[in-house]
Amino acid sequence: MAISAFVVKVPAAEPIAGDLRRRYDPTVALGVPAHITLLVPFMDPALITADVLDSARHVLAQTPSFEFSLGKVGRFPETAYLAPEPAAPFIEMTLALAKAFPDFPPYGGEHEGVVPHLSVAHGNVRDAEDAAVELSTRLLASGAVHAHCTEVALIENSSGRWRDLHVFALPEAA
């Protein structure tokens, strides 16, 4: 079944993590860019109407654009990731989207709480550990990745590859 997802793309992470993502994250081969997920799974793309987009636009308009950095490596058992700082704006957008669309809890309701992250390796413990060690080494050498969140993309996979369905611009910070 086709699904969609709200994500914040982070092209600035590609220089430090792109090759590791290609090696250790199978979603890269399906067109998934470096990103921080806000809400997945979201509805079948065929069911996304103008009203759904308007609701999402209203929710996301509550968060002004913001700067963030990726300077710490985090782990879930089978995942290595870069943790965004500050995490709060990502959490706020996730919770607001989940409230607006209660049939679509983050990660299908599988996890307690919201942990914003940019996955670099996903699938098995050994690969995640190898990627985490390499990421830590790279961050020590280069410093944190700095990025600016100015938009949220609604991506979908109805063709078997992920692509943009809609992009929501965030309002300028005051």
Protein backbone atom coordinates (compact mmCIF):
# COMPACT_ATOMS: atom_id res chain seq x y z
CA MET A 1 0.00 0.00 0.00
CA ALA A 2 1.27 3.44 -0.88
CA ILE A 3 1.94 5.86 1.98
CA SER A 4 3.11 9.40 2.45
CA ALA A 5 5.26 11.14 5.06
CA PHE A 6 5.99 14.64 6.32
CA VAL A 7 9.76 15.26 6.37
CA VAL A 8 12.30 18.03 6.68
CA LYS A 9 14.93 17.47 4.00
CA VAL A 10 18.51 18.14 5.11
CA PRO A 11 20.77 18.31 2.03
CA ALA A 12 23.49 19.86 4.21
CA ALA A 13 23.94 16.41 5.81
CA GLU A 14 24.92 14.73 2.55
CA PRO A 15 28.66 15.60 2.68
CA ILE A 16 29.09 13.99 6.09
CA ALA A 17 26.53 11.18 5.84
CA GLY A 18 25.60 10.57 2.20
CA ASP A 19 28.00 7.70 1.51
CA LEU A 20 27.09 6.04 4.82
CA ARG A 21 23.39 6.39 4.05
CA ARG A 22 23.91 4.79 0.63
CA ARG A 23 25.79 1.91 2.27
CA TYR A 24 23.62 1.34 5.35
CA ASP A 25 20.11 2.68 4.69
CA PRO A 26 18.09 0.75 2.08
CA THR A 27 15.56 3.60 1.68
CA VAL A 28 18.19 5.68 -0.14
CA ALA A 29 17.84 3.36 -3.15
CA LEU A 30 14.11 4.19 -3.14
CA GLY A 31 14.76 7.92 -3.47
CA VAL A 32 14.56 8.93 0.20
CA PRO A 33 16.77 12.00 0.76
CA ALA A 34 18.62 12.87 3.96
CA HIS A 35 15.78 14.02 6.19
CA ILE A 36 14.24 14.30 9.63
CA THR A 37 10.85 12.60 9.71
CA LEU A 38 7.96 14.48 11.24
CA LEU A 39 5.13 12.04 10.59
CA VAL A 40 5.15 8.60 8.98
CA PRO A 41 3.16 6.68 7.94
CA PHE A 42 0.69 9.24 6.66
CA MET A 43 -2.27 8.52 4.41
CA ASP A 44 -2.37 6.89 1.01
CA PRO A 45 -1.39 9.62 -1.48
CA ALA A 46 -4.56 8.92 -3.50
CA LEU A 47 -6.61 10.11 -0.50
CA ILE A 48 -4.79 13.41 -0.02
CA THR A 49 -7.20 16.18 -0.97
CA ALA A 50 -6.95 19.95 -1.07
CA ASP A 51 -8.62 19.98 2.37
CA VAL A 52 -5.90 17.69 3.77
CA LEU A 53 -3.21 19.95 2.32
CA ASP A 54 -4.96 23.03 3.75
CA SER A 55 -5.10 21.42 7.21
CA ALA A 56 -1.42 20.53 7.05
CA ARG A 57 -0.54 24.03 5.81
CA HIS A 58 -2.43 25.56 8.77
CA VAL A 59 -0.62 23.31 11.27
CA LEU A 60 2.83 23.90 9.81
CA ALA A 61 2.30 27.67 9.57
CA GLN A 62 2.47 27.74 13.38
CA THR A 63 6.23 27.00 13.28
CA PRO A 64 8.51 29.70 11.95
CA SER A 65 11.65 28.75 10.03
CA PHE A 66 14.59 27.96 12.30
CA GLU A 67 18.28 27.10 12.38
CA PHE A 68 19.46 23.75 13.70
CA SER A 69 22.60 21.66 13.88
CA LEU A 70 23.46 17.99 13.63
CA GLY A 71 26.42 17.48 15.93
CA LYS A 72 25.62 14.37 17.94
CA VAL A 73 25.32 10.73 16.98
CA GLY A 74 22.45 8.76 18.49
CA ARG A 75 21.45 5.12 18.42
CA PHE A 76 18.40 2.96 18.44
CA PRO A 77 19.24 -0.76 18.48
CA GLU A 78 19.35 -1.14 14.68
CA THR A 79 19.75 2.52 13.74
CA ALA A 80 22.50 5.14 13.86
CA TYR A 81 21.39 8.72 13.45
CA LEU A 82 22.33 12.37 13.69
CA ALA A 83 20.33 14.17 16.39
CA PRO A 84 19.10 17.69 15.59
CA GLU A 85 19.56 20.50 18.09
CA PRO A 86 17.29 22.09 19.00
CA ALA A 87 14.90 19.14 18.84
CA ALA A 88 11.88 21.08 20.12
CA PRO A 89 10.64 22.54 16.79
CA PHE A 90 10.66 19.08 15.19
CA ILE A 91 8.78 17.61 18.16
CA GLU A 92 6.25 20.45 18.10
CA MET A 93 5.55 20.00 14.40
CA THR A 94 5.22 16.22 14.83
CA LEU A 95 2.79 16.53 17.73
CA ALA A 96 0.77 19.21 15.94
CA LEU A 97 0.45 17.08 12.79
CA ALA A 98 -0.51 14.03 14.88
CA LYS A 99 -3.16 16.09 16.66
CA ALA A 100 -4.55 17.40 13.37
CA PHE A 101 -4.55 13.90 11.86
CA PRO A 102 -5.27 11.57 14.82
CA ASP A 103 -5.64 8.49 12.59
CA PHE A 104 -1.91 8.78 11.81
CA PRO A 105 0.20 8.67 14.99
CA PRO A 106 3.98 8.99 14.55
CA TYR A 107 5.52 5.69 13.45
CA GLY A 108 2.09 4.10 13.62
CA GLY A 109 2.10 4.45 17.41
CA GLU A 110 4.94 1.92 17.77
CA HIS A 111 7.16 4.14 19.96
CA GLU A 112 6.68 6.21 23.10
CA GLY A 113 7.52 9.87 22.65
CA VAL A 114 9.12 11.61 19.69
CA VAL A 115 12.87 11.47 19.03
CA PRO A 116 13.76 13.63 16.02
CA HIS A 117 16.60 12.08 14.04
CA LEU A 118 18.27 11.86 10.66
CA SER A 119 18.78 8.14 10.02
CA VAL A 120 22.16 7.22 8.59
CA ALA A 121 22.13 3.44 9.08
CA HIS A 122 19.07 1.29 9.57
CA GLY A 123 18.50 -2.42 9.52
CA ASN A 124 20.94 -4.23 11.76
CA VAL A 125 22.95 -3.65 14.92
CA ARG A 126 26.40 -4.18 13.39
CA ASP A 127 25.88 -1.73 10.52
CA ALA A 128 24.42 0.82 12.93
CA GLU A 129 27.45 0.49 15.20
CA ASP A 130 29.89 0.82 12.29
CA ALA A 131 28.06 3.89 10.98
CA ALA A 132 27.91 5.48 14.45
CA VAL A 133 31.67 5.10 14.93
CA GLU A 134 32.39 6.59 11.50
CA LEU A 135 29.93 9.46 12.01
CA SER A 136 31.52 10.30 15.37
CA THR A 137 34.96 10.40 13.75
CA ARG A 138 33.70 12.65 10.96
CA LEU A 139 31.97 15.03 13.36
CA LEU A 140 35.15 15.37 15.41
CA ALA A 141 37.05 16.28 12.25
CA SER A 142 34.52 18.61 10.65
CA GLY A 143 32.25 19.86 13.41
CA ALA A 144 28.48 19.88 13.39
CA VAL A 145 26.35 20.21 10.27
CA HIS A 146 24.42 23.48 10.29
CA ALA A 147 21.09 23.79 8.48
CA HIS A 148 18.03 26.01 8.19
CA CYS A 149 14.54 24.52 8.23
CA THR A 150 12.46 26.65 5.87
CA GLU A 151 10.02 24.03 4.57
CA VAL A 152 8.40 20.67 5.16
CA ALA A 153 7.92 18.21 2.32
CA LEU A 154 5.05 15.76 2.02
CA ILE A 155 6.61 12.84 0.17
CA GLU A 156 4.93 9.70 -1.18
CA ASN A 157 5.86 6.31 -2.60
CA SER A 158 2.96 5.30 -4.88
CA SER A 159 5.35 4.61 -7.78
CA GLY A 160 7.67 2.50 -5.66
CA ARG A 161 10.09 5.42 -5.34
CA TRP A 162 9.70 8.34 -2.96
CA ARG A 163 8.98 11.75 -4.49
CA ASP A 164 7.64 15.13 -3.38
CA LEU A 165 3.89 15.43 -3.37
CA HIS A 166 3.73 18.89 -1.83
CA VAL A 167 6.11 21.33 -0.12
CA PHE A 168 4.95 23.63 2.69
CA ALA A 169 6.98 26.80 3.24
CA LEU A 170 7.39 27.76 6.88
CA PRO A 171 6.85 31.40 7.80
CA GLU A 172 9.92 33.59 8.30
CA ALA A 173 11.16 33.81 11.88
CA ALA A 174 10.32 37.11 13.54
